[in-house]
ModelCIF file with pLDDT and N, C-alpha, C, O atoms, coordinates in Angstrom:
data_MODEL
#
_entry.id   MODEL 
#
_entity.id                         1 
_entity.type                       polymer 
_entity.pdbx_number_of_molecules   1 
#
_entity_poly.entity_id                      1 
_entity_poly.type                           'polypeptide(L)' 
_entity_poly.nstd_linkage                   no 
_entity_poly.nstd_monomer                   no 
_entity_poly.pdbx_seq_one_letter_code       VVYSLGGKEAFCNQPTLRLLTAAKQCRLLVMDSLLSL 
_entity_poly.pdbx_seq_one_letter_code_can   VVYSLGGKEAFCNQPTLRLLTAAKQCRLLVMDSLLSL 
_entity_poly.pdbx_strand_id                 A 
#
loop_
_entity_poly_seq.entity_id 
_entity_poly_seq.num 
_entity_poly_seq.mon_id 
_entity_poly_seq.hetero 
1 1  VAL n 
1 2  VAL n 
1 3  TYR n 
1 4  SER n 
1 5  LEU n 
1 6  GLY n 
1 7  GLY n 
1 8  LYS n 
1 9  GLU n 
1 10 ALA n 
1 11 PHE n 
1 12 CYS n 
1 13 ASN n 
1 14 GLN n 
1 15 PRO n 
1 16 THR n 
1 17 LEU n 
1 18 ARG n 
1 19 LEU n 
1 20 LEU n 
1 21 THR n 
1 22 ALA n 
1 23 ALA n 
1 24 LYS n 
1 25 GLN n 
1 26 CYS n 
1 27 ARG n 
1 28 LEU n 
1 29 LEU n 
1 30 VAL n 
1 31 MET n 
1 32 ASP n 
1 33 SER n 
1 34 LEU n 
1 35 LEU n 
1 36 SER n 
1 37 LEU n 
#
_struct_asym.id          A 
_struct_asym.entity_id   1 
#
loop_
_ma_qa_metric.id 
_ma_qa_metric.mode 
_ma_qa_metric.name 
_ma_qa_metric.software_group_id 
_ma_qa_metric.type 
1 global pLDDT . pLDDT 
2 local  pLDDT . pLDDT 
#
_ma_qa_metric_global.metric_id      1 
_ma_qa_metric_global.metric_value   95.49 
_ma_qa_metric_global.model_id       1 
_ma_qa_metric_global.ordinal_id     1 
#
loop_
_ma_qa_metric_local.label_asym_id 
_ma_qa_metric_local.label_comp_id 
_ma_qa_metric_local.label_seq_id 
_ma_qa_metric_local.metric_id 
_ma_qa_metric_local.metric_value 
_ma_qa_metric_local.model_id 
_ma_qa_metric_local.ordinal_id 
A VAL 1  2 95.00 1 1  
A VAL 2  2 97.00 1 2  
A TYR 3  2 96.00 1 3  
A SER 4  2 94.00 1 4  
A LEU 5  2 94.00 1 5  
A GLY 6  2 96.00 1 6  
A GLY 7  2 97.00 1 7  
A LYS 8  2 97.00 1 8  
A GLU 9  2 97.00 1 9  
A ALA 10 2 97.00 1 10 
A PHE 11 2 97.00 1 11 
A CYS 12 2 97.00 1 12 
A ASN 13 2 96.00 1 13 
A GLN 14 2 95.00 1 14 
A PRO 15 2 94.00 1 15 
A THR 16 2 93.00 1 16 
A LEU 17 2 95.00 1 17 
A ARG 18 2 93.00 1 18 
A LEU 19 2 93.00 1 19 
A LEU 20 2 95.00 1 20 
A THR 21 2 96.00 1 21 
A ALA 22 2 97.00 1 22 
A ALA 23 2 97.00 1 23 
A LYS 24 2 97.00 1 24 
A GLN 25 2 98.00 1 25 
A CYS 26 2 98.00 1 26 
A ARG 27 2 98.00 1 27 
A LEU 28 2 98.00 1 28 
A LEU 29 2 98.00 1 29 
A VAL 30 2 98.00 1 30 
A MET 31 2 97.00 1 31 
A ASP 32 2 93.00 1 32 
A SER 33 2 93.00 1 33 
A LEU 34 2 90.00 1 34 
A LEU 35 2 92.00 1 35 
A SER 36 2 93.00 1 36 
A LEU 37 2 92.00 1 37 
#
loop_
_atom_site.group_PDB 
_atom_site.id 
_atom_site.type_symbol 
_atom_site.label_atom_id 
_atom_site.label_alt_id 
_atom_site.label_comp_id 
_atom_site.label_asym_id 
_atom_site.label_entity_id 
_atom_site.label_seq_id 
_atom_site.pdbx_PDB_ins_code 
_atom_site.Cartn_x 
_atom_site.Cartn_y 
_atom_site.Cartn_z 
_atom_site.occupancy 
_atom_site.B_iso_or_equiv 
_atom_site.pdbx_formal_charge 
_atom_site.auth_seq_id 
_atom_site.auth_comp_id 
_atom_site.auth_asym_id 
_atom_site.auth_atom_id 
_atom_site.pdbx_PDB_model_num 
ATOM 1   N N  . VAL A 1 1  ? 3.208  -0.084  23.350 1.00 95.00 ? 1  VAL A N  1 
ATOM 2   C CA . VAL A 1 1  ? 4.263  -0.251  22.350 1.00 95.00 ? 1  VAL A CA 1 
ATOM 3   C C  . VAL A 1 1  ? 3.672  -0.181  20.943 1.00 95.00 ? 1  VAL A C  1 
ATOM 4   O O  . VAL A 1 1  ? 4.213  0.494   20.067 1.00 95.00 ? 1  VAL A O  1 
ATOM 5   N N  . VAL A 1 2  ? 2.558  -0.885  20.735 1.00 97.00 ? 2  VAL A N  1 
ATOM 6   C CA . VAL A 1 2  ? 1.920  -0.937  19.417 1.00 97.00 ? 2  VAL A CA 1 
ATOM 7   C C  . VAL A 1 2  ? 1.452  0.454   18.990 1.00 97.00 ? 2  VAL A C  1 
ATOM 8   O O  . VAL A 1 2  ? 1.710  0.883   17.866 1.00 97.00 ? 2  VAL A O  1 
ATOM 9   N N  . TYR A 1 3  ? 0.770  1.146   19.884 1.00 96.00 ? 3  TYR A N  1 
ATOM 10  C CA . TYR A 1 3  ? 0.188  2.423   19.496 1.00 96.00 ? 3  TYR A CA 1 
ATOM 11  C C  . TYR A 1 3  ? 1.217  3.548   19.425 1.00 96.00 ? 3  TYR A C  1 
ATOM 12  O O  . TYR A 1 3  ? 0.985  4.565   18.771 1.00 96.00 ? 3  TYR A O  1 
ATOM 13  N N  . SER A 1 4  ? 2.357  3.366   20.101 1.00 94.00 ? 4  SER A N  1 
ATOM 14  C CA . SER A 1 4  ? 3.424  4.358   19.973 1.00 94.00 ? 4  SER A CA 1 
ATOM 15  C C  . SER A 1 4  ? 4.049  4.307   18.579 1.00 94.00 ? 4  SER A C  1 
ATOM 16  O O  . SER A 1 4  ? 4.676  5.269   18.136 1.00 94.00 ? 4  SER A O  1 
ATOM 17  N N  . LEU A 1 5  ? 3.872  3.169   17.890 1.00 94.00 ? 5  LEU A N  1 
ATOM 18  C CA . LEU A 1 5  ? 4.393  3.016   16.528 1.00 94.00 ? 5  LEU A CA 1 
ATOM 19  C C  . LEU A 1 5  ? 3.344  3.329   15.462 1.00 94.00 ? 5  LEU A C  1 
ATOM 20  O O  . LEU A 1 5  ? 3.629  3.287   14.265 1.00 94.00 ? 5  LEU A O  1 
ATOM 21  N N  . GLY A 1 6  ? 2.125  3.645   15.911 1.00 96.00 ? 6  GLY A N  1 
ATOM 22  C CA . GLY A 1 6  ? 1.090  4.017   14.953 1.00 96.00 ? 6  GLY A CA 1 
ATOM 23  C C  . GLY A 1 6  ? -0.014 3.006   14.772 1.00 96.00 ? 6  GLY A C  1 
ATOM 24  O O  . GLY A 1 6  ? -0.849 3.168   13.882 1.00 96.00 ? 6  GLY A O  1 
ATOM 25  N N  . GLY A 1 7  ? -0.050 1.944   15.602 1.00 97.00 ? 7  GLY A N  1 
ATOM 26  C CA . GLY A 1 7  ? -1.117 0.959   15.505 1.00 97.00 ? 7  GLY A CA 1 
ATOM 27  C C  . GLY A 1 7  ? -0.642 -0.394  15.005 1.00 97.00 ? 7  GLY A C  1 
ATOM 28  O O  . GLY A 1 7  ? 0.544  -0.595  14.742 1.00 97.00 ? 7  GLY A O  1 
ATOM 29  N N  . LYS A 1 8  ? -1.589 -1.321  14.876 1.00 97.00 ? 8  LYS A N  1 
ATOM 30  C CA . LYS A 1 8  ? -1.258 -2.708  14.530 1.00 97.00 ? 8  LYS A CA 1 
ATOM 31  C C  . LYS A 1 8  ? -0.534 -2.808  13.181 1.00 97.00 ? 8  LYS A C  1 
ATOM 32  O O  . LYS A 1 8  ? 0.501  -3.467  13.078 1.00 97.00 ? 8  LYS A O  1 
ATOM 33  N N  . GLU A 1 9  ? -1.071 -2.162  12.163 1.00 97.00 ? 9  GLU A N  1 
ATOM 34  C CA . GLU A 1 9  ? -0.482 -2.278  10.836 1.00 97.00 ? 9  GLU A CA 1 
ATOM 35  C C  . GLU A 1 9  ? 0.947  -1.743  10.812 1.00 97.00 ? 9  GLU A C  1 
ATOM 36  O O  . GLU A 1 9  ? 1.838  -2.348  10.216 1.00 97.00 ? 9  GLU A O  1 
ATOM 37  N N  . ALA A 1 10 ? 1.153  -0.605  11.467 1.00 97.00 ? 10 ALA A N  1 
ATOM 38  C CA . ALA A 1 10 ? 2.492  -0.018  11.518 1.00 97.00 ? 10 ALA A CA 1 
ATOM 39  C C  . ALA A 1 10 ? 3.452  -0.926  12.277 1.00 97.00 ? 10 ALA A C  1 
ATOM 40  O O  . ALA A 1 10 ? 4.614  -1.073  11.897 1.00 97.00 ? 10 ALA A O  1 
ATOM 41  N N  . PHE A 1 11 ? 2.964  -1.524  13.335 1.00 97.00 ? 11 PHE A N  1 
ATOM 42  C CA . PHE A 1 11 ? 3.805  -2.449  14.107 1.00 97.00 ? 11 PHE A CA 1 
ATOM 43  C C  . PHE A 1 11 ? 4.210  -3.644  13.245 1.00 97.00 ? 11 PHE A C  1 
ATOM 44  O O  . PHE A 1 11 ? 5.385  -4.009  13.189 1.00 97.00 ? 11 PHE A O  1 
ATOM 45  N N  . CYS A 1 12 ? 3.238  -4.243  12.579 1.00 97.00 ? 12 CYS A N  1 
ATOM 46  C CA . CYS A 1 12 ? 3.511  -5.425  11.761 1.00 97.00 ? 12 CYS A CA 1 
ATOM 47  C C  . CYS A 1 12 ? 4.450  -5.116  10.595 1.00 97.00 ? 12 CYS A C  1 
ATOM 48  O O  . CYS A 1 12 ? 5.132  -6.008  10.091 1.00 97.00 ? 12 CYS A O  1 
ATOM 49  N N  . ASN A 1 13 ? 4.483  -3.861  10.168 1.00 96.00 ? 13 ASN A N  1 
ATOM 50  C CA . ASN A 1 13 ? 5.319  -3.468  9.037  1.00 96.00 ? 13 ASN A CA 1 
ATOM 51  C C  . ASN A 1 13 ? 6.725  -3.042  9.437  1.00 96.00 ? 13 ASN A C  1 
ATOM 52  O O  . ASN A 1 13 ? 7.484  -2.548  8.603  1.00 96.00 ? 13 ASN A O  1 
ATOM 53  N N  . GLN A 1 14 ? 7.078  -3.226  10.699 1.00 95.00 ? 14 GLN A N  1 
ATOM 54  C CA . GLN A 1 14 ? 8.433  -2.892  11.123 1.00 95.00 ? 14 GLN A CA 1 
ATOM 55  C C  . GLN A 1 14 ? 9.446  -3.755  10.355 1.00 95.00 ? 14 GLN A C  1 
ATOM 56  O O  . GLN A 1 14 ? 9.263  -4.969  10.264 1.00 95.00 ? 14 GLN A O  1 
ATOM 57  N N  . PRO A 1 15 ? 10.499 -3.158  9.807  1.00 94.00 ? 15 PRO A N  1 
ATOM 58  C CA . PRO A 1 15 ? 11.483 -3.907  9.012  1.00 94.00 ? 15 PRO A CA 1 
ATOM 59  C C  . PRO A 1 15 ? 12.069 -5.116  9.722  1.00 94.00 ? 15 PRO A C  1 
ATOM 60  O O  . PRO A 1 15 ? 12.393 -6.118  9.085  1.00 94.00 ? 15 PRO A O  1 
ATOM 61  N N  . THR A 1 16 ? 12.206 -5.026  11.049 1.00 93.00 ? 16 THR A N  1 
ATOM 62  C CA . THR A 1 16 ? 12.804 -6.140  11.792 1.00 93.00 ? 16 THR A CA 1 
ATOM 63  C C  . THR A 1 16 ? 11.902 -7.368  11.834 1.00 93.00 ? 16 THR A C  1 
ATOM 64  O O  . THR A 1 16 ? 12.339 -8.445  12.242 1.00 93.00 ? 16 THR A O  1 
ATOM 65  N N  . LEU A 1 17 ? 10.631 -7.213  11.410 1.00 95.00 ? 17 LEU A N  1 
ATOM 66  C CA . LEU A 1 17 ? 9.691  -8.337  11.405 1.00 95.00 ? 17 LEU A CA 1 
ATOM 67  C C  . LEU A 1 17 ? 9.465  -8.902  10.006 1.00 95.00 ? 17 LEU A C  1 
ATOM 68  O O  . LEU A 1 17 ? 8.605  -9.762  9.815  1.00 95.00 ? 17 LEU A O  1 
ATOM 69  N N  . ARG A 1 18 ? 10.226 -8.426  9.039  1.00 93.00 ? 18 ARG A N  1 
ATOM 70  C CA . ARG A 1 18 ? 9.957  -8.752  7.627  1.00 93.00 ? 18 ARG A CA 1 
ATOM 71  C C  . ARG A 1 18 ? 10.074 -10.251 7.322  1.00 93.00 ? 18 ARG A C  1 
ATOM 72  O O  . ARG A 1 18 ? 9.482  -10.729 6.355  1.00 93.00 ? 18 ARG A O  1 
ATOM 73  N N  . LEU A 1 19 ? 10.828 -10.993 8.134  1.00 93.00 ? 19 LEU A N  1 
ATOM 74  C CA . LEU A 1 19 ? 11.020 -12.417 7.858  1.00 93.00 ? 19 LEU A CA 1 
ATOM 75  C C  . LEU A 1 19 ? 9.925  -13.296 8.471  1.00 93.00 ? 19 LEU A C  1 
ATOM 76  O O  . LEU A 1 19 ? 9.903  -14.506 8.246  1.00 93.00 ? 19 LEU A O  1 
ATOM 77  N N  . LEU A 1 20 ? 9.031  -12.697 9.234  1.00 95.00 ? 20 LEU A N  1 
ATOM 78  C CA . LEU A 1 20 ? 8.016  -13.466 9.950  1.00 95.00 ? 20 LEU A CA 1 
ATOM 79  C C  . LEU A 1 20 ? 6.670  -13.445 9.228  1.00 95.00 ? 20 LEU A C  1 
ATOM 80  O O  . LEU A 1 20 ? 6.109  -12.384 8.957  1.00 95.00 ? 20 LEU A O  1 
ATOM 81  N N  . THR A 1 21 ? 6.174  -14.624 8.928  1.00 96.00 ? 21 THR A N  1 
ATOM 82  C CA . THR A 1 21 ? 4.868  -14.741 8.267  1.00 96.00 ? 21 THR A CA 1 
ATOM 83  C C  . THR A 1 21 ? 3.762  -14.144 9.139  1.00 96.00 ? 21 THR A C  1 
ATOM 84  O O  . THR A 1 21 ? 2.822  -13.533 8.630  1.00 96.00 ? 21 THR A O  1 
ATOM 85  N N  . ALA A 1 22 ? 3.880  -14.324 10.441 1.00 97.00 ? 22 ALA A N  1 
ATOM 86  C CA . ALA A 1 22 ? 2.866  -13.788 11.361 1.00 97.00 ? 22 ALA A CA 1 
ATOM 87  C C  . ALA A 1 22 ? 2.775  -12.271 11.240 1.00 97.00 ? 22 ALA A C  1 
ATOM 88  O O  . ALA A 1 22 ? 1.688  -11.706 11.364 1.00 97.00 ? 22 ALA A O  1 
ATOM 89  N N  . ALA A 1 23 ? 3.903  -11.607 11.000 1.00 97.00 ? 23 ALA A N  1 
ATOM 90  C CA . ALA A 1 23 ? 3.898  -10.155 10.823 1.00 97.00 ? 23 ALA A CA 1 
ATOM 91  C C  . ALA A 1 23 ? 3.327  -9.790  9.460  1.00 97.00 ? 23 ALA A C  1 
ATOM 92  O O  . ALA A 1 23 ? 2.567  -8.828  9.350  1.00 97.00 ? 23 ALA A O  1 
ATOM 93  N N  . LYS A 1 24 ? 3.678  -10.538 8.426  1.00 97.00 ? 24 LYS A N  1 
ATOM 94  C CA . LYS A 1 24 ? 3.166  -10.253 7.083  1.00 97.00 ? 24 LYS A CA 1 
ATOM 95  C C  . LYS A 1 24 ? 1.646  -10.340 7.055  1.00 97.00 ? 24 LYS A C  1 
ATOM 96  O O  . LYS A 1 24 ? 0.990  -9.560  6.365  1.00 97.00 ? 24 LYS A O  1 
ATOM 97  N N  . GLN A 1 25 ? 1.086  -11.283 7.800  1.00 98.00 ? 25 GLN A N  1 
ATOM 98  C CA . GLN A 1 25 ? -0.363 -11.450 7.865  1.00 98.00 ? 25 GLN A CA 1 
ATOM 99  C C  . GLN A 1 25 ? -0.960 -10.703 9.059  1.00 98.00 ? 25 GLN A C  1 
ATOM 100 O O  . GLN A 1 25 ? -2.162 -10.765 9.315  1.00 98.00 ? 25 GLN A O  1 
ATOM 101 N N  . CYS A 1 26 ? -0.098 -10.005 9.773  1.00 98.00 ? 26 CYS A N  1 
ATOM 102 C CA . CYS A 1 26 ? -0.464 -9.210  10.959 1.00 98.00 ? 26 CYS A CA 1 
ATOM 103 C C  . CYS A 1 26 ? -1.295 -10.015 11.961 1.00 98.00 ? 26 CYS A C  1 
ATOM 104 O O  . CYS A 1 26 ? -2.337 -9.566  12.438 1.00 98.00 ? 26 CYS A O  1 
ATOM 105 N N  . ARG A 1 27 ? -0.808 -11.198 12.258 1.00 98.00 ? 27 ARG A N  1 
ATOM 106 C CA . ARG A 1 27 ? -1.420 -11.994 13.326 1.00 98.00 ? 27 ARG A CA 1 
ATOM 107 C C  . ARG A 1 27 ? -0.820 -11.504 14.645 1.00 98.00 ? 27 ARG A C  1 
ATOM 108 O O  . ARG A 1 27 ? 0.125  -12.084 15.181 1.00 98.00 ? 27 ARG A O  1 
ATOM 109 N N  . LEU A 1 28 ? -1.395 -10.434 15.137 1.00 98.00 ? 28 LEU A N  1 
ATOM 110 C CA . LEU A 1 28 ? -0.866 -9.730  16.308 1.00 98.00 ? 28 LEU A CA 1 
ATOM 111 C C  . LEU A 1 28 ? -1.960 -9.541  17.347 1.00 98.00 ? 28 LEU A C  1 
ATOM 112 O O  . LEU A 1 28 ? -3.012 -8.967  17.064 1.00 98.00 ? 28 LEU A O  1 
ATOM 113 N N  . LEU A 1 29 ? -1.701 -10.025 18.538 1.00 98.00 ? 29 LEU A N  1 
ATOM 114 C CA . LEU A 1 29 ? -2.599 -9.798  19.667 1.00 98.00 ? 29 LEU A CA 1 
ATOM 115 C C  . LEU A 1 29 ? -2.055 -8.625  20.474 1.00 98.00 ? 29 LEU A C  1 
ATOM 116 O O  . LEU A 1 29 ? -0.955 -8.694  21.021 1.00 98.00 ? 29 LEU A O  1 
ATOM 117 N N  . VAL A 1 30 ? -2.828 -7.558  20.543 1.00 98.00 ? 30 VAL A N  1 
ATOM 118 C CA . VAL A 1 30 ? -2.442 -6.379  21.320 1.00 98.00 ? 30 VAL A CA 1 
ATOM 119 C C  . VAL A 1 30 ? -3.065 -6.510  22.707 1.00 98.00 ? 30 VAL A C  1 
ATOM 120 O O  . VAL A 1 30 ? -4.287 -6.572  22.841 1.00 98.00 ? 30 VAL A O  1 
ATOM 121 N N  . MET A 1 31 ? -2.222 -6.552  23.734 1.00 97.00 ? 31 MET A N  1 
ATOM 122 C CA . MET A 1 31 ? -2.721 -6.760  25.086 1.00 97.00 ? 31 MET A CA 1 
ATOM 123 C C  . MET A 1 31 ? -2.552 -5.523  25.950 1.00 97.00 ? 31 MET A C  1 
ATOM 124 O O  . MET A 1 31 ? -1.619 -4.740  25.766 1.00 97.00 ? 31 MET A O  1 
ATOM 125 N N  . ASP A 1 32 ? -3.452 -5.361  26.879 1.00 93.00 ? 32 ASP A N  1 
ATOM 126 C CA . ASP A 1 32 ? -3.345 -4.323  27.893 1.00 93.00 ? 32 ASP A CA 1 
ATOM 127 C C  . ASP A 1 32 ? -1.938 -4.374  28.484 1.00 93.00 ? 32 ASP A C  1 
ATOM 128 O O  . ASP A 1 32 ? -1.469 -5.442  28.877 1.00 93.00 ? 32 ASP A O  1 
ATOM 129 N N  . SER A 1 33 ? -1.266 -3.232  28.547 1.00 93.00 ? 33 SER A N  1 
ATOM 130 C CA . SER A 1 33 ? 0.137  -3.200  28.965 1.00 93.00 ? 33 SER A CA 1 
ATOM 131 C C  . SER A 1 33 ? 0.340  -3.729  30.375 1.00 93.00 ? 33 SER A C  1 
ATOM 132 O O  . SER A 1 33 ? 1.232  -4.546  30.601 1.00 93.00 ? 33 SER A O  1 
ATOM 133 N N  . LEU A 1 34 ? -0.466 -3.282  31.325 1.00 90.00 ? 34 LEU A N  1 
ATOM 134 C CA . LEU A 1 34 ? -0.312 -3.739  32.700 1.00 90.00 ? 34 LEU A CA 1 
ATOM 135 C C  . LEU A 1 34 ? -0.640 -5.217  32.816 1.00 90.00 ? 34 LEU A C  1 
ATOM 136 O O  . LEU A 1 34 ? 0.013  -5.946  33.563 1.00 90.00 ? 34 LEU A O  1 
ATOM 137 N N  . LEU A 1 35 ? -1.641 -5.655  32.087 1.00 92.00 ? 35 LEU A N  1 
ATOM 138 C CA . LEU A 1 35 ? -2.080 -7.048  32.144 1.00 92.00 ? 35 LEU A CA 1 
ATOM 139 C C  . LEU A 1 35 ? -1.007 -7.989  31.622 1.00 92.00 ? 35 LEU A C  1 
ATOM 140 O O  . LEU A 1 35 ? -0.883 -9.114  32.107 1.00 92.00 ? 35 LEU A O  1 
ATOM 141 N N  . SER A 1 36 ? -0.234 -7.550  30.648 1.00 93.00 ? 36 SER A N  1 
ATOM 142 C CA . SER A 1 36 ? 0.755  -8.434  30.025 1.00 93.00 ? 36 SER A CA 1 
ATOM 143 C C  . SER A 1 36 ? 2.165  -8.265  30.573 1.00 93.00 ? 36 SER A C  1 
ATOM 144 O O  . SER A 1 36 ? 3.014  -9.135  30.375 1.00 93.00 ? 36 SER A O  1 
ATOM 145 N N  . LEU A 1 37 ? 2.422  -7.161  31.256 1.00 92.00 ? 37 LEU A N  1 
ATOM 146 C CA . LEU A 1 37 ? 3.772  -6.914  31.766 1.00 92.00 ? 37 LEU A CA 1 
ATOM 147 C C  . LEU A 1 37 ? 3.883  -7.006  33.281 1.00 92.00 ? 37 LEU A C  1 
ATOM 148 O O  . LEU A 1 37 ? 4.967  -6.819  33.833 1.00 92.00 ? 37 LEU A O  1 
#
């Protein structure tokens, strides 16, 4: 999901995340898709 949007920074900059401090500071853990789903 993250890399389909262009990577961590692009993911964190999604407009729907604009209200979240965690997104503004890009506190994002990217997990192996199979491992997390």
